[in-house]
Amino acid sequence: MKKIPLHLQVIIALILGTFYALLSVNMGWNDFTLDFIDPFGKIFINVLKLIAVPLVLFSIISGVAALKDISKLGKIGVKTLLLYVATTFIAVTIGLIAVNTLHPGDKVSSDLLKDNRISYELWAQQNQIEILDEECYICDEANQARVTRIKERDGEGQGNEWVDDKLSKANNAKESRPLQPLVDIVPSNIFKALFDMEMLQVIFFAIFFGVVLVMLPEEKSSPVVAFMDGVNEVFIKMVDVVMKAMPFFVFCLLAGAIVNAAGDDPGKLTELISFLLWYSLAVVLGLAFMVFIFYPGLISMIVRKMSYSFFMKGISKAQLTAFSTSSSVATLPVTLNSVENNLGVSKRTTSFVLPIGATVNMDGTSLYQAVAVVALAQFHMVDLSLMQQLTIVFTATLASIGAAAIPSAGLVLMIIVLESVGLNPAWIALIFPVDRILDMCRTVVNVTGDAAVSTIVANSEGELNIPDTKSV
């Protein structure tokens, strides 16, 4: 009997989880669901958090070390890395524009928004995390009935000095020096940074470590590089193992998330679906802009002799493969063939630029993270400031460098971006129902970005061999 593919198993689990949640809400099974099903979803979150930090650390070190001799890479290496970072930065910015324009998190009733906000504040209180704006709903006497009900539902404990602590931290932040955020990126103790999940510090250390590793003589660096590559493969395999059990965890996580969100009110399910549809629309519009406007437009502007249709037709097979596999690495052979044979990029360029792109260029993943974090914040009535949204841009751009090029790796990195602005990482459960189809879409963006960058680099080095398609 032919085994059901994993992505179909996940889709089935999503459907079953949603169906079970509907029954739970309508049949009064919520206590059973929260006591015996939801905990497995929390275990899944904990496992992802367990893997997230070392995965980013060793992926970045391995990726930088793979550059071998930085001094010999010359202009091609610099151009490639700068273009990948620039396009990722632009992708995150496009995502923020889309989500701040559509406001998908606001498309629900004010009652649900207030419940979500109180739930967020109770989580922050329990974890001693500063809330992200001045308003405090759990301190509002008008919301005390909601606070009590949500505490009973979620099992949140009472806090004592949390509000005073929040104000104290806010005052300290206001009094900090202008360059303090830059100082905070550089860790004084890497083990403490790993323990506290200070991701910007971990990323800084990983890049610094990788660059210095490349500078060492090969006889001294090769054992370290081999070790880093081996450990990186272990963590990638850990993600693979977890993903094999993903259907079960998805069922539990989704059922628990829907029951938590809906409570005893079936009407809230409709609002949750409305949020997911608006959120998906924001992501898809951002991704579509990157694929159909930004990349071809960039090519037409820089590579004068290549037309829009020639570029899109040349990489169409790679795009379809990316959509079906949800993996940049699985698509890499097709991407290499398409870019080299259809777009006329030299083998020297493709063999260097595309493999690096499959590891460090995650434009679609970064865009989706930006949209998801802001949409989830909106859904919980958390107003993210411009500085906090810039933190999302920076964190998503750097974290994408360490994204393992495997299906659903974005979920691991989503935790990093959420925690970088003090939000609850368990919120990723809310977007699980639509994550698979969005994962397929954002992989298309990643692969298209790889093709665009390799074409631009080849053109700048005189290694692009195509006819003038704009004059044909």
Protein backbone atom coordinates (compact mmCIF):
# COMPACT_ATOMS: atom_id res chain seq x y z
CA MET A 1 0.00 0.00 0.00
CA LYS A 2 1.38 3.37 -1.00
CA LYS A 3 2.25 5.62 1.94
CA ILE A 4 0.38 8.92 2.20
CA PRO A 5 2.79 11.86 1.63
CA LEU A 6 3.58 13.93 4.70
CA HIS A 7 1.97 17.10 3.40
CA LEU A 8 -1.29 15.20 2.82
CA GLN A 9 -1.04 13.74 6.32
CA VAL A 10 -0.68 17.26 7.72
CA ILE A 11 -3.66 18.48 5.71
CA ILE A 12 -5.73 15.55 6.99
CA ALA A 13 -4.60 16.34 10.55
CA LEU A 14 -5.63 19.98 10.06
CA ILE A 15 -9.07 18.93 8.88
CA LEU A 16 -9.50 16.41 11.69
CA GLY A 17 -8.20 18.89 14.28
CA THR A 18 -10.64 21.54 13.10
CA PHE A 19 -13.52 19.04 13.02
CA TYR A 20 -12.67 17.77 16.51
CA ALA A 21 -12.45 21.36 17.84
CA LEU A 22 -15.91 22.07 16.45
CA LEU A 23 -17.25 19.00 18.24
CA SER A 24 -15.41 19.94 21.43
CA VAL A 25 -16.86 23.45 21.49
CA ASN A 26 -20.38 22.29 20.69
CA MET A 27 -20.41 19.09 22.79
CA GLY A 28 -18.82 20.50 25.93
CA TRP A 29 -15.55 18.53 25.68
CA ASN A 30 -13.31 21.55 26.25
CA ASP A 31 -11.95 20.41 29.63
CA PHE A 32 -10.92 17.03 28.18
CA THR A 33 -9.33 18.74 25.16
CA LEU A 34 -7.33 21.17 27.28
CA ASP A 35 -6.27 18.51 29.80
CA PHE A 36 -5.34 15.60 27.53
CA ILE A 37 -4.91 16.86 23.95
CA ASP A 38 -3.60 20.43 24.14
CA PRO A 39 -0.49 19.45 26.22
CA PHE A 40 0.91 17.50 23.25
CA GLY A 41 0.72 20.68 21.20
CA LYS A 42 2.71 22.48 23.90
CA ILE A 43 5.29 19.69 23.78
CA PHE A 44 5.62 20.34 20.04
CA ILE A 45 6.27 24.05 20.71
CA ASN A 46 8.90 23.16 23.33
CA VAL A 47 10.68 20.79 20.94
CA LEU A 48 10.78 23.48 18.24
CA LYS A 49 12.20 25.95 20.75
CA LEU A 50 14.76 23.34 21.79
CA ILE A 51 15.96 23.00 18.19
CA ALA A 52 15.69 26.66 17.12
CA VAL A 53 18.77 28.22 18.70
CA PRO A 54 21.38 25.53 17.92
CA LEU A 55 19.92 25.12 14.42
CA VAL A 56 20.51 28.79 13.65
CA LEU A 57 23.95 28.78 15.31
CA PHE A 58 25.37 25.80 13.44
CA SER A 59 23.60 26.57 10.14
CA ILE A 60 25.15 30.03 9.98
CA ILE A 61 28.62 28.80 10.95
CA SER A 62 28.42 26.02 8.34
CA GLY A 63 27.12 28.41 5.69
CA VAL A 64 29.86 30.98 6.26
CA ALA A 65 32.56 28.28 6.49
CA ALA A 66 31.34 26.86 3.17
CA LEU A 67 32.62 30.03 1.49
CA LYS A 68 36.10 28.45 1.91
CA ASP A 69 38.44 31.33 1.07
CA ILE A 70 36.71 34.70 1.44
CA SER A 71 39.69 36.60 -0.03
CA LYS A 72 39.51 34.58 -3.27
CA LEU A 73 35.79 34.95 -3.70
CA GLY A 74 36.32 38.59 -4.59
CA LYS A 75 33.59 40.55 -6.21
CA ILE A 76 31.26 37.61 -6.85
CA GLY A 77 31.08 36.68 -3.18
CA VAL A 78 30.49 40.24 -2.03
CA LYS A 79 27.85 40.88 -4.69
CA THR A 80 26.05 37.62 -3.91
CA LEU A 81 25.86 38.16 -0.17
CA LEU A 82 24.89 41.83 -0.48
CA LEU A 83 22.16 41.04 -3.00
CA TYR A 84 20.76 38.23 -0.88
CA VAL A 85 20.70 40.41 2.24
CA ALA A 86 19.22 43.35 0.30
CA THR A 87 16.42 41.31 -1.31
CA THR A 88 15.58 39.69 2.03
CA PHE A 89 15.43 43.10 3.69
CA ILE A 90 13.13 44.36 0.91
CA ALA A 91 10.94 41.24 1.20
CA VAL A 92 10.44 41.80 4.94
CA THR A 93 9.64 45.45 4.28
CA ILE A 94 7.06 44.49 1.63
CA GLY A 95 5.51 42.09 4.15
CA LEU A 96 5.24 44.85 6.76
CA ILE A 97 3.65 47.19 4.22
CA ALA A 98 1.09 44.52 3.28
CA VAL A 99 0.14 43.64 6.85
CA ASN A 100 -0.02 47.28 7.99
CA THR A 101 -2.21 48.11 4.99
CA LEU A 102 -4.69 45.23 5.29
CA HIS A 103 -4.66 44.90 9.11
CA PRO A 104 -5.74 41.22 9.02
CA GLY A 105 -5.67 40.93 12.82
CA ASP A 106 -8.34 43.60 13.23
CA LYS A 107 -11.00 41.84 11.13
CA VAL A 108 -12.75 40.30 14.14
CA SER A 109 -15.09 41.54 16.87
CA SER A 110 -13.87 43.84 19.63
CA ASP A 111 -14.89 41.24 22.24
CA LEU A 112 -12.56 38.62 20.76
CA LEU A 113 -9.76 41.19 20.46
CA LYS A 114 -10.13 42.10 24.13
CA ASP A 115 -10.13 38.44 25.18
CA ASN A 116 -6.98 37.87 23.13
CA ARG A 117 -5.34 40.96 24.62
CA ILE A 118 -6.06 39.82 28.18
CA SER A 119 -4.74 36.35 27.35
CA TYR A 120 -1.52 37.95 26.05
CA GLU A 121 -1.10 40.08 29.19
CA LEU A 122 -1.65 37.08 31.44
CA TRP A 123 0.99 35.14 29.47
CA ALA A 124 3.42 38.06 29.78
CA GLN A 125 2.68 38.27 33.49
CA GLN A 126 3.29 34.57 34.02
CA ASN A 127 6.57 34.69 32.09
CA GLN A 128 7.68 38.03 33.56
CA ILE A 129 7.81 39.63 30.13
CA GLU A 130 7.20 43.32 29.57
CA ILE A 131 4.04 44.08 27.59
CA LEU A 132 4.64 46.10 24.48
CA ASP A 133 2.56 49.22 25.04
CA GLU A 134 1.20 51.39 27.84
CA GLU A 135 -2.38 50.08 28.05
CA CYS A 136 -3.05 47.30 30.55
CA TYR A 137 -6.34 45.47 30.09
CA ILE A 138 -5.99 43.13 33.06
CA CYS A 139 -5.70 46.24 35.28
CA ASP A 140 -8.99 47.61 33.94
CA GLU A 141 -11.89 47.04 36.35
CA ALA A 142 -14.30 46.83 33.42
CA ASN A 143 -12.49 43.72 32.18
CA GLN A 144 -12.23 41.87 35.50
CA ALA A 145 -14.92 39.35 34.55
CA ARG A 146 -13.01 38.59 31.35
CA VAL A 147 -9.74 38.33 33.27
CA THR A 148 -11.24 35.84 35.73
CA ARG A 149 -12.81 33.74 32.98
CA ILE A 150 -9.61 33.63 30.91
CA LYS A 151 -7.51 32.76 33.96
CA GLU A 152 -9.82 29.85 34.68
CA ARG A 153 -9.72 28.80 31.02
CA ASP A 154 -5.97 29.04 30.54
CA GLY A 155 -4.87 28.19 34.05
CA GLU A 156 -2.86 31.40 34.37
CA GLY A 157 -1.60 32.36 37.82
CA GLN A 158 -1.98 35.66 39.63
CA GLY A 159 0.85 38.16 39.40
CA ASN A 160 1.93 40.60 42.10
CA GLU A 161 4.52 43.20 41.12
CA TRP A 162 4.27 42.72 37.37
CA VAL A 163 2.83 46.16 36.49
CA ASP A 164 5.48 47.98 38.56
CA ASP A 165 8.16 45.85 36.92
CA LYS A 166 6.77 46.73 33.47
CA LEU A 167 6.90 50.45 34.18
CA SER A 168 10.41 50.16 35.59
CA LYS A 169 11.66 48.39 32.47
CA ALA A 170 9.97 50.96 30.24
CA ASN A 171 11.72 53.79 32.08
CA ASN A 172 15.06 52.03 31.82
CA ALA A 173 14.55 51.63 28.07
CA LYS A 174 13.82 55.34 27.66
CA GLU A 175 17.00 56.28 29.54
CA SER A 176 19.28 53.98 27.51
CA ARG A 177 21.89 55.43 25.12
CA PRO A 178 21.14 55.73 21.35
CA LEU A 179 23.65 53.01 20.42
CA GLN A 180 22.64 50.65 23.21
CA PRO A 181 20.78 48.33 20.77
CA LEU A 182 24.06 47.98 18.83
CA VAL A 183 25.91 47.21 22.04
CA ASP A 184 23.30 44.60 22.95
CA ILE A 185 23.93 42.68 19.71
CA VAL A 186 27.47 41.81 20.82
CA PRO A 187 27.35 39.12 23.55
CA SER A 188 29.70 39.16 26.52
CA ASN A 189 28.95 35.49 27.17
CA ILE A 190 27.82 33.25 24.31
CA PHE A 191 26.57 30.55 26.67
CA LYS A 192 24.33 33.06 28.43
CA ALA A 193 23.10 34.29 25.04
CA LEU A 194 22.24 30.71 24.06
CA PHE A 195 20.53 30.07 27.40
CA ASP A 196 18.47 33.28 27.19
CA MET A 197 17.69 32.77 23.47
CA GLU A 198 19.17 36.17 22.59
CA MET A 199 19.05 35.47 18.87
CA LEU A 200 20.76 38.60 17.56
CA GLN A 201 23.71 37.86 19.82
CA VAL A 202 23.78 34.22 18.71
CA ILE A 203 23.69 35.27 15.04
CA PHE A 204 26.50 37.80 15.58
CA PHE A 205 28.66 35.15 17.23
CA ALA A 206 27.91 32.59 14.51
CA ILE A 207 28.89 34.97 11.69
CA PHE A 208 32.02 36.09 13.55
CA PHE A 209 32.99 32.47 14.29
CA GLY A 210 32.41 31.39 10.68
CA VAL A 211 34.46 34.25 9.19
CA VAL A 212 37.41 33.61 11.51
CA LEU A 213 37.15 29.89 10.77
CA VAL A 214 37.58 30.61 7.05
CA MET A 215 40.71 32.68 7.81
CA LEU A 216 42.49 29.76 9.48
CA PRO A 217 44.77 27.37 7.56
CA GLU A 218 42.79 24.46 6.13
CA GLU A 219 44.62 21.81 8.15
CA LYS A 220 43.46 23.51 11.35
CA SER A 221 39.99 24.59 10.25
CA SER A 222 38.88 21.43 8.45
CA PRO A 223 38.25 19.35 11.62
CA VAL A 224 36.19 22.20 13.09
CA VAL A 225 34.29 22.70 9.83
CA ALA A 226 33.59 18.96 9.64
CA PHE A 227 32.36 19.00 13.23
CA MET A 228 30.11 22.02 12.61
CA ASP A 229 28.72 20.45 9.44
CA GLY A 230 28.05 17.21 11.31
CA VAL A 231 26.30 18.92 14.21
CA ASN A 232 24.30 21.03 11.76
CA GLU A 233 23.16 17.86 9.99
CA VAL A 234 22.11 16.41 13.36
CA PHE A 235 19.84 19.36 14.09
CA ILE A 236 18.44 19.35 10.56
CA LYS A 237 17.71 15.65 11.06
CA MET A 238 16.04 16.50 14.38
CA VAL A 239 13.72 18.84 12.52
CA ASP A 240 13.07 16.05 10.01
CA VAL A 241 12.22 13.59 12.80
CA VAL A 242 9.89 16.08 14.47
CA MET A 243 8.20 16.82 11.16
CA LYS A 244 7.47 13.11 10.67
CA ALA A 245 5.37 13.24 13.84
CA MET A 246 3.96 16.59 12.78
CA PRO A 247 0.47 15.33 11.81
CA PHE A 248 -0.21 14.14 15.38
CA PHE A 249 1.19 17.32 16.94
CA VAL A 250 -0.69 19.49 14.44
CA PHE A 251 -3.96 17.80 15.38
CA CYS A 252 -3.34 18.40 19.10
CA LEU A 253 -2.00 21.92 18.67
CA LEU A 254 -4.76 23.04 16.34
CA ALA A 255 -7.53 21.48 18.43
CA GLY A 256 -6.17 23.12 21.58
CA ALA A 257 -5.64 26.48 19.86
CA ILE A 258 -9.17 26.60 18.44
CA VAL A 259 -10.77 25.50 21.72
CA ASN A 260 -8.69 28.09 23.60
CA ALA A 261 -9.64 30.82 21.13
CA ALA A 262 -13.33 29.93 20.88
CA GLY A 263 -13.99 28.87 24.47
CA ASP A 264 -17.65 28.01 24.87
CA ASP A 265 -18.71 30.31 22.03
CA PRO A 266 -18.94 28.54 18.63
CA GLY A 267 -19.41 31.91 16.98
CA LYS A 268 -15.75 32.74 17.59
CA LEU A 269 -14.71 29.98 15.20
CA THR A 270 -16.09 32.02 12.31
CA GLU A 271 -14.04 35.00 13.43
CA LEU A 272 -10.90 32.86 13.70
CA ILE A 273 -11.45 31.66 10.12
CA SER A 274 -11.94 35.28 9.04
CA PHE A 275 -8.60 36.21 10.61
CA LEU A 276 -6.85 33.34 8.83
CA LEU A 277 -8.31 34.34 5.46
CA TRP A 278 -7.25 37.98 5.83
CA TYR A 279 -3.82 36.92 7.12
CA SER A 280 -3.38 34.54 4.15
CA LEU A 281 -4.41 37.31 1.76
CA ALA A 282 -1.75 39.65 3.19
CA VAL A 283 0.95 36.95 2.85
CA VAL A 284 -0.05 35.91 -0.68
CA LEU A 285 -0.24 39.51 -1.92
CA GLY A 286 3.24 40.19 -0.54
CA LEU A 287 4.64 36.98 -2.06
CA ALA A 288 2.93 37.65 -5.41
CA PHE A 289 4.44 41.14 -5.51
CA MET A 290 7.91 39.66 -5.03
CA VAL A 291 7.47 36.95 -7.71
CA PHE A 292 5.57 38.84 -10.41
CA ILE A 293 6.72 42.45 -9.92
CA PHE A 294 9.85 42.88 -7.82
CA TYR A 295 12.20 40.17 -9.16
CA PRO A 296 11.26 40.48 -12.87
CA GLY A 297 11.31 44.27 -12.53
CA LEU A 298 14.77 44.16 -10.97
CA ILE A 299 15.96 41.90 -13.79
CA SER A 300 14.49 44.15 -16.49
CA MET A 301 16.08 47.21 -14.89
CA ILE A 302 19.58 45.74 -14.38
CA VAL A 303 19.83 43.10 -17.13
CA ARG A 304 18.75 45.28 -20.02
CA LYS A 305 18.62 42.55 -22.67
CA MET A 306 16.43 40.14 -20.67
CA SER A 307 12.66 40.58 -20.92
CA TYR A 308 10.07 39.92 -18.24
CA SER A 309 8.56 36.95 -20.08
CA PHE A 310 11.96 35.37 -20.85
CA PHE A 311 12.94 35.37 -17.16
CA MET A 312 9.59 34.07 -15.90
CA LYS A 313 9.37 31.36 -18.58
CA GLY A 314 12.96 30.29 -17.97
CA ILE A 315 12.43 29.56 -14.28
CA SER A 316 8.82 28.32 -14.46
CA LYS A 317 9.80 24.66 -14.00
CA ALA A 318 11.85 25.49 -10.90
CA GLN A 319 8.94 27.50 -9.52
CA LEU A 320 6.52 24.59 -10.00
CA THR A 321 8.96 22.19 -8.35
CA ALA A 322 9.39 24.58 -5.44
CA PHE A 323 5.62 24.85 -5.02
CA SER A 324 5.17 21.08 -4.92
CA THR A 325 8.14 20.22 -2.68
CA SER A 326 8.19 23.24 -0.33
CA SER A 327 11.99 22.83 -0.23
CA SER A 328 14.69 25.02 -1.77
CA VAL A 329 17.21 22.20 -1.49
CA ALA A 330 14.96 19.64 -3.17
CA THR A 331 14.39 22.16 -5.97
CA LEU A 332 18.10 23.04 -6.33
CA PRO A 333 18.90 20.58 -9.19
CA VAL A 334 15.96 21.93 -11.21
CA THR A 335 16.92 25.53 -10.37
CA LEU A 336 20.51 24.93 -11.49
CA ASN A 337 19.33 23.44 -14.77
CA SER A 338 16.76 26.21 -15.42
CA VAL A 339 19.08 29.12 -14.64
CA GLU A 340 22.05 27.68 -16.53
CA ASN A 341 20.28 26.32 -19.63
CA ASN A 342 17.24 28.61 -19.92
CA LEU A 343 18.58 31.94 -18.64
CA GLY A 344 22.15 31.52 -19.93
CA VAL A 345 23.94 31.98 -16.59
CA SER A 346 27.44 30.44 -16.52
CA LYS A 347 28.03 27.25 -14.56
CA ARG A 348 30.74 29.02 -12.53
CA THR A 349 28.16 31.49 -11.27
CA THR A 350 25.30 29.06 -10.70
CA SER A 351 27.48 26.55 -8.85
CA PHE A 352 28.46 29.24 -6.35
CA VAL A 353 25.44 31.52 -6.09
CA LEU A 354 22.53 29.04 -6.10
CA PRO A 355 23.71 26.60 -3.39
CA ILE A 356 24.40 29.52 -1.07
CA GLY A 357 20.99 30.95 -1.95
CA ALA A 358 19.29 27.69 -1.03
CA THR A 359 20.79 28.12 2.46
CA VAL A 360 20.82 31.85 3.19
CA ASN A 361 18.28 33.41 0.82
CA MET A 362 14.85 32.98 2.38
CA ASP A 363 12.97 36.03 1.09
CA GLY A 364 9.58 34.33 1.11
CA THR A 365 10.11 32.91 4.58
CA SER A 366 11.20 36.29 5.94
CA LEU A 367 8.24 38.08 4.35
CA TYR A 368 5.81 35.56 5.81
CA GLN A 369 7.39 35.91 9.25
CA ALA A 370 6.98 39.69 9.18
CA VAL A 371 3.32 39.43 8.16
CA ALA A 372 2.57 36.69 10.68
CA VAL A 373 4.19 38.43 13.66
CA VAL A 374 2.43 41.75 13.05
CA ALA A 375 -0.91 40.07 12.22
CA LEU A 376 -0.74 37.98 15.40
CA ALA A 377 0.12 41.11 17.38
CA GLN A 378 -2.90 42.87 15.85
CA PHE A 379 -5.06 39.85 16.68
CA HIS A 380 -4.06 40.28 20.34
CA MET A 381 -4.40 44.10 20.35
CA VAL A 382 -0.65 44.64 20.69
CA ASP A 383 0.51 47.81 18.94
CA LEU A 384 4.05 47.31 17.67
CA SER A 385 6.03 50.53 17.43
CA LEU A 386 8.17 51.47 14.43
CA MET A 387 11.28 50.44 16.37
CA GLN A 388 9.75 47.04 17.18
CA GLN A 389 8.82 46.52 13.54
CA LEU A 390 12.38 47.45 12.55
CA THR A 391 13.52 44.79 15.03
CA ILE A 392 11.33 42.33 13.11
CA VAL A 393 12.98 43.40 9.83
CA PHE A 394 16.48 42.97 11.27
CA THR A 395 15.79 39.72 13.11
CA ALA A 396 13.91 38.11 10.20
CA THR A 397 16.66 39.12 7.76
CA LEU A 398 19.46 37.68 9.90
CA ALA A 399 17.52 34.63 11.07
CA SER A 400 16.74 33.70 7.47
CA ILE A 401 20.46 33.10 6.95
CA GLY A 402 20.20 30.17 9.34
CA ALA A 403 16.96 28.79 7.99
CA ALA A 404 17.33 25.12 7.11
CA ALA A 405 16.09 24.67 3.55
CA ILE A 406 13.48 22.07 4.47
CA PRO A 407 9.67 22.18 4.61
CA SER A 408 8.19 24.06 7.59
CA ALA A 409 11.56 25.31 8.86
CA GLY A 410 9.91 28.73 8.90
CA LEU A 411 7.88 27.62 11.90
CA VAL A 412 11.09 27.17 13.86
CA LEU A 413 12.28 30.66 12.91
CA MET A 414 8.84 32.14 13.62
CA ILE A 415 9.47 31.45 17.30
CA ILE A 416 12.70 33.45 17.12
CA VAL A 417 11.04 36.48 15.51
CA LEU A 418 8.08 36.42 17.94
CA GLU A 419 10.37 36.29 20.94
CA SER A 420 12.59 39.06 19.54
CA VAL A 421 9.71 41.52 20.18
CA GLY A 422 8.41 39.89 23.35
CA LEU A 423 5.42 38.00 21.93
CA ASN A 424 4.12 34.55 22.80
CA PRO A 425 5.75 31.88 20.57
CA ALA A 426 2.77 29.57 21.09
CA TRP A 427 0.76 31.89 18.83
CA ILE A 428 2.14 30.04 15.82
CA ALA A 429 -0.58 27.48 16.53
CA LEU A 430 -3.18 29.96 15.27
CA ILE A 431 -1.69 30.07 11.77
CA PHE A 432 -1.15 26.32 11.45
CA PRO A 433 -4.34 25.71 9.43
CA VAL A 434 -3.01 27.68 6.46
CA ASP A 435 0.73 27.22 6.94
CA ARG A 436 1.20 24.37 4.47
CA ILE A 437 -0.19 26.17 1.43
CA LEU A 438 1.66 29.35 2.41
CA ASP A 439 4.86 27.31 2.84
CA MET A 440 4.50 26.15 -0.77
CA CYS A 441 3.99 29.74 -1.94
CA ARG A 442 6.91 31.22 -0.03
CA THR A 443 9.30 28.53 -1.33
CA VAL A 444 8.48 29.78 -4.84
CA VAL A 445 9.64 33.23 -3.75
CA ASN A 446 12.87 31.80 -2.29
CA VAL A 447 13.73 29.97 -5.52
CA THR A 448 12.78 32.93 -7.74
CA GLY A 449 15.01 35.16 -5.63
CA ASP A 450 17.93 32.72 -6.05
CA ALA A 451 17.48 32.77 -9.82
CA ALA A 452 17.24 36.55 -9.96
CA VAL A 453 20.38 37.12 -7.89
CA SER A 454 22.43 34.60 -9.89
CA THR A 455 21.31 36.27 -13.13
CA ILE A 456 22.27 39.74 -11.87
CA VAL A 457 25.66 38.54 -10.60
CA ALA A 458 26.40 36.76 -13.89
CA ASN A 459 25.43 39.85 -15.86
CA SER A 460 27.75 42.05 -13.80
CA GLU A 461 30.63 39.61 -14.38
CA GLY A 462 30.00 39.24 -18.12
CA GLU A 463 28.96 35.60 -17.68
CA LEU A 464 25.42 35.84 -19.02
CA ASN A 465 24.98 34.32 -22.48
CA ILE A 466 21.52 35.07 -23.86
CA PRO A 467 20.08 36.81 -26.93
CA ASP A 468 18.62 40.29 -26.59
CA THR A 469 15.09 39.17 -25.76
CA LYS A 470 13.74 42.71 -25.51
CA SER A 471 14.45 43.38 -29.17
CA VAL A 472 13.01 40.07 -30.39
